[in-house]
Amino acid sequence: MQFMTTRLIFIRHGQSTWNEARRWQGHADPPLSDNGRRQAQLLARRLSTWSIDHIYASDLMRASETAAILGAPLGIQPAIDPDWRERGFGALEGLTSEEIEARYPEVWASRLNGPIMGVSGAEEQADVAARAVAACDRLLSRHPGKTIAVVSHGGMILTTLVQLLRLPPSGHAFLSVGGNTSISHVTVDQGHARLTGLNDAAHLELLLD
């Protein structure tokens, strides 16, 4: 029996207007900033020669816009899946990290041990993990042996990696959230997931020219 390796490429969206203002977003839906669109264009240029079979994206604008820019040179229309949206952060949405640290010091400190906890109105982390597992299961069942790009969000990608690699919740504190348009790679073979690349954003070096 021949087993097929499925390749998952997780991509964080380009910079949004709230990223630019250093505000936490969660389910809030700001668009890409001008810089975010430039980042997405550089991402698309880099991936234009990659062998990608399918593109999926969160339904939030910053991810769906990035995915559309990525898909254009590949001739792929991204499929929108709300399960790939960011975790809802309730009372933290719209605040900067400095404001969160000042107003909610215990919540801010919790990120050092795992997923951030104790946030009023936030989506439960167990529900986020369940979304990640369900979304990955669909990709693996629909597209065995294919290469799939997923344009999502820093926190959601982090949770997905923790689930795929079967890490404990503290894995959220060990892995880092990549910068905008950073790329992480996972291969899945016979149900075993292996991280082969984390937070690669070499294409953004062109912004420094």
N, C-alpha and C. Protein backbone atom coordinates (compact mmCIF):
# COMPACT_ATOMS: atom_id res chain seq x y z
N MET A 1 0.84 -1.20 0.00
CA MET A 1 0.00 0.00 0.00
C MET A 1 0.87 1.24 0.00
N GLN A 2 0.58 2.18 -0.87
CA GLN A 2 1.36 3.40 -0.97
C GLN A 2 0.72 4.51 -0.14
N PHE A 3 1.53 5.11 0.74
CA PHE A 3 1.04 6.20 1.56
C PHE A 3 1.42 7.53 0.92
N MET A 4 0.54 8.50 1.06
CA MET A 4 0.76 9.80 0.44
C MET A 4 1.06 10.85 1.51
N THR A 5 2.02 11.68 1.22
CA THR A 5 2.35 12.79 2.12
C THR A 5 1.57 14.02 1.70
N THR A 6 0.86 14.60 2.65
CA THR A 6 0.13 15.84 2.42
C THR A 6 0.92 16.98 3.03
N ARG A 7 1.07 18.06 2.28
CA ARG A 7 1.84 19.21 2.75
C ARG A 7 0.91 20.38 3.05
N LEU A 8 1.04 20.91 4.25
CA LEU A 8 0.24 22.04 4.68
C LEU A 8 1.15 23.25 4.82
N ILE A 9 0.79 24.33 4.17
CA ILE A 9 1.56 25.58 4.24
C ILE A 9 0.68 26.62 4.96
N PHE A 10 1.07 26.96 6.16
CA PHE A 10 0.30 27.92 6.94
C PHE A 10 0.92 29.31 6.79
N ILE A 11 0.10 30.28 6.42
CA ILE A 11 0.58 31.63 6.12
C ILE A 11 -0.21 32.63 6.96
N ARG A 12 0.49 33.45 7.71
CA ARG A 12 -0.19 34.51 8.41
C ARG A 12 -0.51 35.63 7.42
N HIS A 13 -1.66 36.25 7.59
CA HIS A 13 -2.10 37.34 6.71
C HIS A 13 -1.12 38.51 6.70
N GLY A 14 -1.24 39.37 5.69
CA GLY A 14 -0.45 40.59 5.64
C GLY A 14 -0.86 41.57 6.73
N GLN A 15 -0.04 42.58 6.91
CA GLN A 15 -0.31 43.58 7.94
C GLN A 15 -1.67 44.25 7.71
N SER A 16 -2.46 44.32 8.75
CA SER A 16 -3.74 45.03 8.69
C SER A 16 -3.56 46.44 9.24
N THR A 17 -4.61 47.24 9.11
CA THR A 17 -4.54 48.59 9.67
C THR A 17 -4.43 48.54 11.20
N TRP A 18 -4.99 47.51 11.82
CA TRP A 18 -4.86 47.37 13.28
C TRP A 18 -3.49 46.82 13.66
N ASN A 19 -2.92 45.95 12.85
CA ASN A 19 -1.53 45.55 13.09
C ASN A 19 -0.63 46.77 13.08
N GLU A 20 -0.89 47.63 12.13
CA GLU A 20 -0.08 48.84 11.98
C GLU A 20 -0.19 49.71 13.23
N ALA A 21 -1.38 49.73 13.84
CA ALA A 21 -1.60 50.50 15.07
C ALA A 21 -1.29 49.68 16.33
N ARG A 22 -0.83 48.44 16.14
CA ARG A 22 -0.45 47.54 17.23
C ARG A 22 -1.64 47.20 18.13
N ARG A 23 -2.81 47.02 17.50
CA ARG A 23 -4.01 46.67 18.26
C ARG A 23 -4.38 45.20 18.05
N TRP A 24 -4.81 44.57 19.14
CA TRP A 24 -5.25 43.18 19.07
C TRP A 24 -6.57 43.11 18.31
N GLN A 25 -6.72 42.10 17.45
CA GLN A 25 -7.84 42.07 16.53
C GLN A 25 -8.88 41.00 16.85
N GLY A 26 -8.45 39.76 17.03
CA GLY A 26 -9.42 38.70 17.25
C GLY A 26 -10.42 38.63 16.12
N HIS A 27 -11.72 38.71 16.44
CA HIS A 27 -12.77 38.65 15.42
C HIS A 27 -13.05 39.99 14.77
N ALA A 28 -12.41 41.06 15.25
CA ALA A 28 -12.54 42.36 14.56
C ALA A 28 -12.02 42.20 13.13
N ASP A 29 -12.52 43.05 12.23
CA ASP A 29 -12.29 42.78 10.81
C ASP A 29 -11.70 43.97 10.04
N PRO A 30 -10.56 44.50 10.48
CA PRO A 30 -9.94 45.58 9.70
C PRO A 30 -9.31 45.04 8.41
N PRO A 31 -9.19 45.87 7.39
CA PRO A 31 -8.59 45.44 6.13
C PRO A 31 -7.06 45.48 6.19
N LEU A 32 -6.45 45.03 5.12
CA LEU A 32 -5.00 45.17 4.99
C LEU A 32 -4.62 46.64 4.91
N SER A 33 -3.47 46.96 5.46
CA SER A 33 -2.88 48.28 5.26
C SER A 33 -2.20 48.30 3.90
N ASP A 34 -1.76 49.48 3.47
CA ASP A 34 -1.01 49.56 2.21
C ASP A 34 0.24 48.70 2.29
N ASN A 35 0.91 48.72 3.44
CA ASN A 35 2.10 47.90 3.62
C ASN A 35 1.74 46.42 3.59
N GLY A 36 0.58 46.07 4.14
CA GLY A 36 0.14 44.68 4.12
C GLY A 36 -0.09 44.17 2.72
N ARG A 37 -0.60 45.04 1.84
CA ARG A 37 -0.78 44.62 0.45
C ARG A 37 0.57 44.43 -0.25
N ARG A 38 1.53 45.28 0.08
CA ARG A 38 2.88 45.08 -0.48
C ARG A 38 3.47 43.76 0.02
N GLN A 39 3.28 43.46 1.29
CA GLN A 39 3.75 42.19 1.83
C GLN A 39 3.11 41.02 1.09
N ALA A 40 1.81 41.10 0.87
CA ALA A 40 1.09 40.02 0.19
C ALA A 40 1.58 39.86 -1.24
N GLN A 41 1.89 40.96 -1.90
CA GLN A 41 2.41 40.89 -3.27
C GLN A 41 3.78 40.22 -3.32
N LEU A 42 4.62 40.52 -2.34
CA LEU A 42 5.93 39.86 -2.28
C LEU A 42 5.77 38.38 -1.97
N LEU A 43 4.83 38.06 -1.08
CA LEU A 43 4.52 36.66 -0.80
C LEU A 43 4.07 35.95 -2.07
N ALA A 44 3.17 36.58 -2.83
CA ALA A 44 2.66 35.97 -4.05
C ALA A 44 3.77 35.77 -5.07
N ARG A 45 4.67 36.74 -5.18
CA ARG A 45 5.80 36.60 -6.11
C ARG A 45 6.66 35.40 -5.72
N ARG A 46 6.90 35.26 -4.43
CA ARG A 46 7.75 34.15 -3.97
C ARG A 46 7.09 32.80 -4.22
N LEU A 47 5.78 32.70 -3.95
CA LEU A 47 5.11 31.42 -4.04
C LEU A 47 4.58 31.11 -5.43
N SER A 48 4.77 32.02 -6.38
CA SER A 48 4.22 31.85 -7.73
C SER A 48 4.80 30.64 -8.45
N THR A 49 5.98 30.18 -8.04
CA THR A 49 6.59 29.02 -8.68
C THR A 49 6.46 27.76 -7.83
N TRP A 50 5.80 27.88 -6.69
CA TRP A 50 5.61 26.71 -5.83
C TRP A 50 4.49 25.84 -6.38
N SER A 51 4.57 24.55 -6.09
CA SER A 51 3.51 23.63 -6.49
C SER A 51 2.44 23.61 -5.39
N ILE A 52 1.42 24.44 -5.55
CA ILE A 52 0.33 24.53 -4.58
C ILE A 52 -0.96 24.12 -5.29
N ASP A 53 -1.69 23.19 -4.68
CA ASP A 53 -2.90 22.66 -5.31
C ASP A 53 -4.16 23.41 -4.89
N HIS A 54 -4.19 23.86 -3.66
CA HIS A 54 -5.40 24.51 -3.14
C HIS A 54 -4.99 25.61 -2.16
N ILE A 55 -5.85 26.64 -2.07
CA ILE A 55 -5.65 27.70 -1.08
C ILE A 55 -6.95 27.85 -0.28
N TYR A 56 -6.82 27.86 1.03
CA TYR A 56 -7.94 28.13 1.93
C TYR A 56 -7.61 29.39 2.73
N ALA A 57 -8.65 30.06 3.20
CA ALA A 57 -8.44 31.29 3.95
C ALA A 57 -9.54 31.50 4.98
N SER A 58 -9.19 32.18 6.05
CA SER A 58 -10.15 32.71 7.00
C SER A 58 -11.09 33.68 6.28
N ASP A 59 -12.29 33.85 6.85
CA ASP A 59 -13.25 34.77 6.25
C ASP A 59 -13.01 36.22 6.65
N LEU A 60 -12.08 36.49 7.55
CA LEU A 60 -11.79 37.87 7.93
C LEU A 60 -10.98 38.55 6.82
N MET A 61 -11.25 39.83 6.60
CA MET A 61 -10.71 40.53 5.42
C MET A 61 -9.20 40.45 5.30
N ARG A 62 -8.49 40.61 6.41
CA ARG A 62 -7.04 40.64 6.32
C ARG A 62 -6.47 39.33 5.79
N ALA A 63 -7.16 38.21 6.05
CA ALA A 63 -6.73 36.92 5.53
C ALA A 63 -7.25 36.67 4.12
N SER A 64 -8.53 36.96 3.89
CA SER A 64 -9.10 36.69 2.56
C SER A 64 -8.47 37.58 1.49
N GLU A 65 -8.14 38.83 1.84
CA GLU A 65 -7.44 39.71 0.89
C GLU A 65 -6.06 39.17 0.56
N THR A 66 -5.34 38.73 1.59
CA THR A 66 -4.01 38.16 1.38
C THR A 66 -4.09 36.94 0.48
N ALA A 67 -5.08 36.08 0.74
CA ALA A 67 -5.24 34.85 -0.04
C ALA A 67 -5.57 35.16 -1.50
N ALA A 68 -6.39 36.18 -1.74
CA ALA A 68 -6.74 36.54 -3.11
C ALA A 68 -5.51 37.02 -3.87
N ILE A 69 -4.67 37.82 -3.22
CA ILE A 69 -3.43 38.29 -3.85
C ILE A 69 -2.50 37.12 -4.12
N LEU A 70 -2.41 36.19 -3.17
CA LEU A 70 -1.57 35.01 -3.33
C LEU A 70 -2.07 34.12 -4.47
N GLY A 71 -3.38 33.95 -4.56
CA GLY A 71 -3.93 33.01 -5.53
C GLY A 71 -3.88 33.50 -6.96
N ALA A 72 -3.85 34.82 -7.18
CA ALA A 72 -3.94 35.36 -8.54
C ALA A 72 -2.87 34.81 -9.48
N PRO A 73 -1.56 34.90 -9.14
CA PRO A 73 -0.57 34.38 -10.08
C PRO A 73 -0.56 32.86 -10.20
N LEU A 74 -1.15 32.19 -9.21
CA LEU A 74 -1.22 30.72 -9.25
C LEU A 74 -2.46 30.24 -10.00
N GLY A 75 -3.38 31.17 -10.29
CA GLY A 75 -4.62 30.79 -10.95
C GLY A 75 -5.54 29.99 -10.04
N ILE A 76 -5.47 30.26 -8.74
CA ILE A 76 -6.28 29.53 -7.76
C ILE A 76 -7.22 30.50 -7.05
N GLN A 77 -8.50 30.18 -7.05
CA GLN A 77 -9.48 30.95 -6.29
C GLN A 77 -9.53 30.40 -4.86
N PRO A 78 -9.17 31.19 -3.85
CA PRO A 78 -9.17 30.67 -2.48
C PRO A 78 -10.56 30.25 -2.02
N ALA A 79 -10.61 29.18 -1.26
CA ALA A 79 -11.84 28.75 -0.60
C ALA A 79 -11.89 29.38 0.79
N ILE A 80 -12.99 30.02 1.12
CA ILE A 80 -13.13 30.70 2.40
C ILE A 80 -13.75 29.75 3.42
N ASP A 81 -13.10 29.64 4.57
CA ASP A 81 -13.57 28.75 5.64
C ASP A 81 -13.49 29.50 6.97
N PRO A 82 -14.64 29.82 7.57
CA PRO A 82 -14.64 30.57 8.83
C PRO A 82 -13.91 29.87 9.97
N ASP A 83 -13.72 28.56 9.87
CA ASP A 83 -13.00 27.86 10.94
C ASP A 83 -11.55 28.34 11.06
N TRP A 84 -11.03 28.98 10.02
CA TRP A 84 -9.65 29.44 10.07
C TRP A 84 -9.52 30.86 10.62
N ARG A 85 -10.62 31.44 11.11
CA ARG A 85 -10.50 32.81 11.64
C ARG A 85 -9.78 32.80 12.98
N GLU A 86 -9.34 33.97 13.38
CA GLU A 86 -8.60 34.13 14.63
C GLU A 86 -9.51 33.85 15.83
N ARG A 87 -8.89 33.53 16.94
CA ARG A 87 -9.64 33.41 18.18
C ARG A 87 -10.26 34.76 18.55
N GLY A 88 -11.50 34.74 19.03
CA GLY A 88 -12.11 35.96 19.52
C GLY A 88 -11.53 36.33 20.87
N PHE A 89 -11.07 37.57 21.00
CA PHE A 89 -10.40 37.98 22.23
C PHE A 89 -11.23 38.89 23.13
N GLY A 90 -12.53 38.98 22.85
CA GLY A 90 -13.41 39.68 23.76
C GLY A 90 -12.95 41.08 24.13
N ALA A 91 -12.79 41.30 25.43
CA ALA A 91 -12.46 42.63 25.95
C ALA A 91 -11.11 43.15 25.47
N LEU A 92 -10.25 42.26 24.96
CA LEU A 92 -8.92 42.70 24.53
C LEU A 92 -8.91 43.30 23.12
N GLU A 93 -9.94 43.05 22.37
CA GLU A 93 -9.95 43.49 20.97
C GLU A 93 -9.97 45.02 20.90
N GLY A 94 -9.06 45.54 20.10
CA GLY A 94 -8.91 46.99 19.94
C GLY A 94 -7.87 47.60 20.85
N LEU A 95 -7.36 46.82 21.82
CA LEU A 95 -6.35 47.34 22.74
C LEU A 95 -4.95 47.01 22.23
N THR A 96 -3.98 47.82 22.61
CA THR A 96 -2.59 47.51 22.32
C THR A 96 -2.05 46.57 23.40
N SER A 97 -0.90 45.95 23.12
CA SER A 97 -0.28 45.08 24.13
C SER A 97 0.02 45.84 25.40
N GLU A 98 0.45 47.08 25.26
CA GLU A 98 0.77 47.90 26.44
C GLU A 98 -0.48 48.16 27.27
N GLU A 99 -1.60 48.40 26.60
CA GLU A 99 -2.86 48.63 27.32
C GLU A 99 -3.34 47.36 28.01
N ILE A 100 -3.17 46.21 27.34
CA ILE A 100 -3.57 44.94 27.96
C ILE A 100 -2.71 44.66 29.18
N GLU A 101 -1.42 44.85 29.07
CA GLU A 101 -0.53 44.60 30.19
C GLU A 101 -0.89 45.49 31.39
N ALA A 102 -1.26 46.75 31.12
CA ALA A 102 -1.59 47.67 32.19
C ALA A 102 -2.95 47.37 32.82
N ARG A 103 -3.95 47.05 31.99
CA ARG A 103 -5.31 46.86 32.49
C ARG A 103 -5.58 45.45 32.99
N TYR A 104 -4.93 44.45 32.36
CA TYR A 104 -5.18 43.05 32.68
C TYR A 104 -3.85 42.32 32.91
N PRO A 105 -3.11 42.67 33.96
CA PRO A 105 -1.77 42.08 34.14
C PRO A 105 -1.78 40.56 34.28
N GLU A 106 -2.78 40.00 34.93
CA GLU A 106 -2.83 38.54 35.09
C GLU A 106 -3.10 37.85 33.76
N VAL A 107 -3.98 38.44 32.97
CA VAL A 107 -4.25 37.90 31.63
C VAL A 107 -2.98 37.96 30.79
N TRP A 108 -2.30 39.09 30.83
CA TRP A 108 -1.08 39.27 30.05
C TRP A 108 -0.01 38.25 30.47
N ALA A 109 0.12 38.01 31.76
CA ALA A 109 1.13 37.07 32.26
C ALA A 109 0.81 35.63 31.86
N SER A 110 -0.46 35.31 31.66
CA SER A 110 -0.84 33.93 31.37
C SER A 110 -0.24 33.43 30.07
N ARG A 111 0.11 34.33 29.15
CA ARG A 111 0.64 33.91 27.86
C ARG A 111 2.00 33.25 27.98
N LEU A 112 2.68 33.42 29.12
CA LEU A 112 4.01 32.84 29.32
C LEU A 112 3.93 31.34 29.61
N ASN A 113 2.73 30.85 29.91
CA ASN A 113 2.57 29.44 30.27
C ASN A 113 1.70 28.66 29.29
N GLY A 114 1.11 29.35 28.33
CA GLY A 114 0.23 28.68 27.38
C GLY A 114 -0.65 29.70 26.70
N PRO A 115 -1.81 29.25 26.18
CA PRO A 115 -2.72 30.22 25.54
C PRO A 115 -3.21 31.23 26.56
N ILE A 116 -3.43 32.45 26.13
CA ILE A 116 -3.85 33.51 27.03
C ILE A 116 -5.22 33.16 27.62
N MET A 117 -5.37 33.39 28.93
CA MET A 117 -6.55 32.93 29.64
C MET A 117 -7.16 34.06 30.46
N GLY A 118 -8.41 33.84 30.89
CA GLY A 118 -9.06 34.76 31.80
C GLY A 118 -9.58 36.03 31.16
N VAL A 119 -9.90 35.99 29.86
CA VAL A 119 -10.33 37.19 29.15
C VAL A 119 -11.85 37.23 29.09
N SER A 120 -12.44 38.32 29.55
CA SER A 120 -13.89 38.48 29.52
C SER A 120 -14.39 38.51 28.08
N GLY A 121 -15.35 37.66 27.77
CA GLY A 121 -15.96 37.63 26.45
C GLY A 121 -15.16 36.93 25.38
N ALA A 122 -14.01 36.35 25.73
CA ALA A 122 -13.16 35.70 24.73
C ALA A 122 -13.70 34.32 24.37
N GLU A 123 -13.38 33.89 23.16
CA GLU A 123 -13.68 32.53 22.73
C GLU A 123 -12.86 31.56 23.57
N GLU A 124 -13.49 30.49 24.04
CA GLU A 124 -12.77 29.50 24.84
C GLU A 124 -11.68 28.84 24.00
N GLN A 125 -10.51 28.67 24.60
CA GLN A 125 -9.40 28.08 23.86
C GLN A 125 -9.72 26.67 23.39
N ALA A 126 -10.51 25.92 24.17
CA ALA A 126 -10.89 24.57 23.75
C ALA A 126 -11.71 24.60 22.46
N ASP A 127 -12.52 25.65 22.30
CA ASP A 127 -13.31 25.78 21.07
C ASP A 127 -12.40 26.13 19.88
N VAL A 128 -11.38 26.95 20.14
CA VAL A 128 -10.43 27.29 19.07
C VAL A 128 -9.68 26.03 18.63
N ALA A 129 -9.23 25.23 19.60
CA ALA A 129 -8.53 23.99 19.27
C ALA A 129 -9.43 23.05 18.49
N ALA A 130 -10.70 22.98 18.86
CA ALA A 130 -11.64 22.11 18.14
C ALA A 130 -11.82 22.59 16.70
N ARG A 131 -11.88 23.91 16.50
CA ARG A 131 -11.96 24.44 15.14
C ARG A 131 -10.75 24.04 14.32
N ALA A 132 -9.57 24.17 14.94
CA ALA A 132 -8.33 23.84 14.24
C ALA A 132 -8.30 22.37 13.83
N VAL A 133 -8.69 21.50 14.74
CA VAL A 133 -8.68 20.06 14.45
C VAL A 133 -9.68 19.75 13.33
N ALA A 134 -10.89 20.31 13.42
CA ALA A 134 -11.91 20.04 12.41
C ALA A 134 -11.47 20.53 11.03
N ALA A 135 -10.89 21.75 10.99
CA ALA A 135 -10.45 22.31 9.71
C ALA A 135 -9.34 21.48 9.09
N CYS A 136 -8.39 21.05 9.91
CA CYS A 136 -7.29 20.22 9.39
C CYS A 136 -7.80 18.86 8.92
N ASP A 137 -8.71 18.27 9.69
CA ASP A 137 -9.27 16.97 9.29
C ASP A 137 -9.94 17.07 7.92
N ARG A 138 -10.66 18.17 7.68
CA ARG A 138 -11.30 18.34 6.37
C ARG A 138 -10.28 18.43 5.25
N LEU A 139 -9.21 19.19 5.48
CA LEU A 139 -8.19 19.32 4.44
C LEU A 139 -7.54 17.98 4.13
N LEU A 140 -7.21 17.24 5.18
CA LEU A 140 -6.51 15.97 4.99
C LEU A 140 -7.41 14.92 4.33
N SER A 141 -8.71 14.97 4.60
CA SER A 141 -9.61 14.00 3.98
C SER A 141 -9.95 14.38 2.54
N ARG A 142 -10.04 15.69 2.27
CA ARG A 142 -10.39 16.15 0.92
C ARG A 142 -9.22 16.08 -0.05
N HIS A 143 -8.01 16.34 0.44
CA HIS A 143 -6.87 16.54 -0.46
C HIS A 143 -5.65 15.69 -0.07
N PRO A 144 -5.80 14.39 0.06
CA PRO A 144 -4.64 13.56 0.42
C PRO A 144 -3.56 13.63 -0.65
N GLY A 145 -2.33 13.78 -0.20
CA GLY A 145 -1.20 13.81 -1.12
C GLY A 145 -1.01 15.13 -1.83
N LYS A 146 -1.81 16.14 -1.50
CA LYS A 146 -1.71 17.44 -2.15
C LYS A 146 -0.97 18.44 -1.27
N THR A 147 -0.71 19.61 -1.85
CA THR A 147 -0.11 20.72 -1.12
C THR A 147 -1.16 21.81 -0.98
N ILE A 148 -1.43 22.17 0.26
CA ILE A 148 -2.51 23.11 0.54
C ILE A 148 -1.96 24.29 1.32
N ALA A 149 -2.23 25.50 0.83
CA ALA A 149 -1.87 26.71 1.55
C ALA A 149 -3.09 27.19 2.34
N VAL A 150 -2.85 27.59 3.58
CA VAL A 150 -3.91 28.11 4.44
C VAL A 150 -3.50 29.49 4.93
N VAL A 151 -4.28 30.51 4.56
CA VAL A 151 -3.99 31.88 5.01
C VAL A 151 -4.87 32.15 6.23
N SER A 152 -4.23 32.31 7.36
CA SER A 152 -4.96 32.43 8.61
C SER A 152 -4.32 33.52 9.47
N HIS A 153 -4.31 33.31 10.78
CA HIS A 153 -3.93 34.34 11.75
C HIS A 153 -2.90 33.77 12.71
N GLY A 154 -2.12 34.67 13.31
CA GLY A 154 -1.03 34.21 14.16
C GLY A 154 -1.47 33.27 15.26
N GLY A 155 -2.48 33.67 16.03
CA GLY A 155 -2.93 32.82 17.12
C GLY A 155 -3.54 31.52 16.65
N MET A 156 -4.30 31.56 15.55
CA MET A 156 -4.93 30.36 15.03
C MET A 156 -3.89 29.39 14.47
N ILE A 157 -2.89 29.92 13.78
CA ILE A 157 -1.83 29.06 13.27
C ILE A 157 -1.08 28.41 14.42
N LEU A 158 -0.80 29.18 15.46
CA LEU A 158 -0.10 28.64 16.63
C LEU A 158 -0.89 27.50 17.25
N THR A 159 -2.19 27.70 17.45
CA THR A 159 -3.03 26.64 18.00
C THR A 159 -3.06 25.43 17.09
N THR A 160 -3.12 25.65 15.79
CA THR A 160 -3.14 24.54 14.84
C THR A 160 -1.85 23.72 14.91
N LEU A 161 -0.72 24.39 15.00
CA LEU A 161 0.55 23.68 15.11
C LEU A 161 0.61 22.87 16.40
N VAL A 162 0.15 23.46 17.49
CA VAL A 162 0.14 22.73 18.77
C VAL A 162 -0.71 21.47 18.65
N GLN A 163 -1.87 21.57 17.99
CA GLN A 163 -2.75 20.41 17.84
C GLN A 163 -2.14 19.37 16.90
N LEU A 164 -1.63 19.81 15.75
CA LEU A 164 -1.08 18.86 14.79
C LEU A 164 0.13 18.11 15.35
N LEU A 165 0.96 18.82 16.10
CA LEU A 165 2.19 18.22 16.64
C LEU A 165 1.95 17.53 17.97
N ARG A 166 0.71 17.57 18.43
CA ARG A 166 0.30 16.90 19.68
C ARG A 166 1.12 17.39 20.87
N LEU A 167 1.29 18.70 20.91
CA LEU A 167 1.99 19.32 22.02
C LEU A 167 1.01 19.62 23.14
N PRO A 168 1.48 19.75 24.38
CA PRO A 168 0.61 20.18 25.47
C PRO A 168 0.24 21.65 25.30
N PRO A 169 -0.73 22.15 26.07
CA PRO A 169 -1.10 23.57 25.96
C PRO A 169 0.08 24.52 26.13
N SER A 170 1.09 24.10 26.91
CA SER A 170 2.27 24.95 27.10
C SER A 170 3.03 25.16 25.79
N GLY A 171 2.70 24.36 24.76
CA GLY A 171 3.33 24.56 23.47
C GLY A 171 3.08 25.94 22.90
N HIS A 172 1.98 26.58 23.32
CA HIS A 172 1.71 27.94 22.88
C HIS A 172 2.78 28.92 23.37
N ALA A 173 3.43 28.58 24.48
CA ALA A 173 4.47 29.45 25.00
C ALA A 173 5.84 29.11 24.43
N PHE A 174 5.99 27.90 23.85
CA PHE A 174 7.28 27.48 23.32
C PHE A 174 7.46 27.87 21.86
N LEU A 175 6.38 27.81 21.08
CA LEU A 175 6.43 28.24 19.69
C LEU A 175 6.10 29.73 19.63
N SER A 176 6.56 30.40 18.61
CA SER A 176 6.32 31.83 18.50
C SER A 176 5.37 32.12 17.34
N VAL A 177 4.60 33.19 17.50
CA VAL A 177 3.72 33.65 16.42
C VAL A 177 4.57 34.38 15.39
N GLY A 178 4.48 34.00 14.14
CA GLY A 178 5.29 34.63 13.10
C GLY A 178 4.78 36.01 12.73
N GLY A 179 5.64 36.77 12.07
CA GLY A 179 5.25 38.09 11.58
C GLY A 179 4.30 37.97 10.41
N ASN A 180 3.79 39.09 9.96
CA ASN A 180 2.82 39.10 8.86
C ASN A 180 3.41 38.47 7.60
N THR A 181 2.65 37.63 6.96
CA THR A 181 2.95 36.82 5.77
C THR A 181 4.04 35.78 6.00
N SER A 182 4.36 35.48 7.26
CA SER A 182 5.33 34.41 7.52
C SER A 182 4.72 33.05 7.19
N ILE A 183 5.58 32.12 6.83
CA ILE A 183 5.19 30.81 6.31
C ILE A 183 5.70 29.71 7.24
N SER A 184 4.82 28.78 7.58
CA SER A 184 5.21 27.59 8.34
C SER A 184 4.75 26.35 7.57
N HIS A 185 5.58 25.31 7.58
CA HIS A 185 5.31 24.10 6.80
C HIS A 185 5.12 22.90 7.72
N VAL A 186 4.12 22.09 7.40
CA VAL A 186 3.91 20.82 8.10
C VAL A 186 3.67 19.74 7.05
N THR A 187 4.30 18.59 7.21
CA THR A 187 3.98 17.44 6.37
C THR A 187 3.24 16.43 7.22
N VAL A 188 2.26 15.77 6.61
CA VAL A 188 1.46 14.77 7.32
C VAL A 188 1.53 13.47 6.52
N ASP A 189 2.02 12.42 7.16
CA ASP A 189 2.20 11.13 6.51
C ASP A 189 1.73 10.05 7.48
N GLN A 190 0.75 9.25 7.05
CA GLN A 190 0.17 8.20 7.89
C GLN A 190 -0.28 8.75 9.24
N GLY A 191 -0.84 9.95 9.23
CA GLY A 191 -1.35 10.54 10.45
C GLY A 191 -0.31 11.19 11.33
N HIS A 192 0.94 11.14 10.91
CA HIS A 192 2.02 11.74 11.70
C HIS A 192 2.41 13.08 11.10
N ALA A 193 2.32 14.12 11.91
CA ALA A 193 2.64 15.47 11.44
C ALA A 193 4.05 15.86 11.86
N ARG A 194 4.75 16.49 10.94
CA ARG A 194 6.12 16.93 11.21
C ARG A 194 6.28 18.38 10.79
N LEU A 195 6.79 19.21 11.69
CA LEU A 195 7.05 20.62 11.39
C LEU A 195 8.36 20.72 10.62
N THR A 196 8.29 21.24 9.41
CA THR A 196 9.50 21.32 8.58
C THR A 196 9.95 22.75 8.31
N GLY A 197 9.17 23.73 8.75
CA GLY A 197 9.57 25.13 8.61
C GLY A 197 8.69 26.00 9.49
N LEU A 198 9.26 27.03 10.11
CA LEU A 198 8.50 27.86 11.04
C LEU A 198 8.80 29.34 10.79
N ASN A 199 7.75 30.11 10.53
CA ASN A 199 7.83 31.58 10.50
C ASN A 199 8.86 32.13 9.52
N ASP A 200 8.86 31.59 8.32
CA ASP A 200 9.78 32.04 7.27
C ASP A 200 9.18 33.24 6.55
N ALA A 201 9.87 34.38 6.62
CA ALA A 201 9.40 35.58 5.92
C ALA A 201 10.53 36.21 5.12
N ALA A 202 11.34 35.37 4.48
CA ALA A 202 12.50 35.88 3.74
C ALA A 202 12.08 36.81 2.61
N HIS A 203 10.88 36.63 2.06
CA HIS A 203 10.43 37.49 0.95
C HIS A 203 10.32 38.96 1.36
N LEU A 204 10.13 39.21 2.65
CA LEU A 204 9.98 40.59 3.10
C LEU A 204 11.30 41.36 3.12
N GLU A 205 12.40 40.65 2.92
CA GLU A 205 13.69 41.34 2.84
C GLU A 205 13.70 42.31 1.66
N LEU A 206 12.86 42.05 0.67
CA LEU A 206 12.80 42.94 -0.50
C LEU A 206 12.23 44.31 -0.13
N LEU A 207 11.50 44.39 0.98
CA LEU A 207 10.96 45.67 1.42
C LEU A 207 12.06 46.59 1.93
N LEU A 208 13.22 45.99 2.24
CA LEU A 208 14.32 46.77 2.78
C LEU A 208 15.18 47.40 1.68
N ASP A 209 14.96 46.97 0.44
CA ASP A 209 15.78 47.48 -0.68
C ASP A 209 15.49 48.96 -0.94
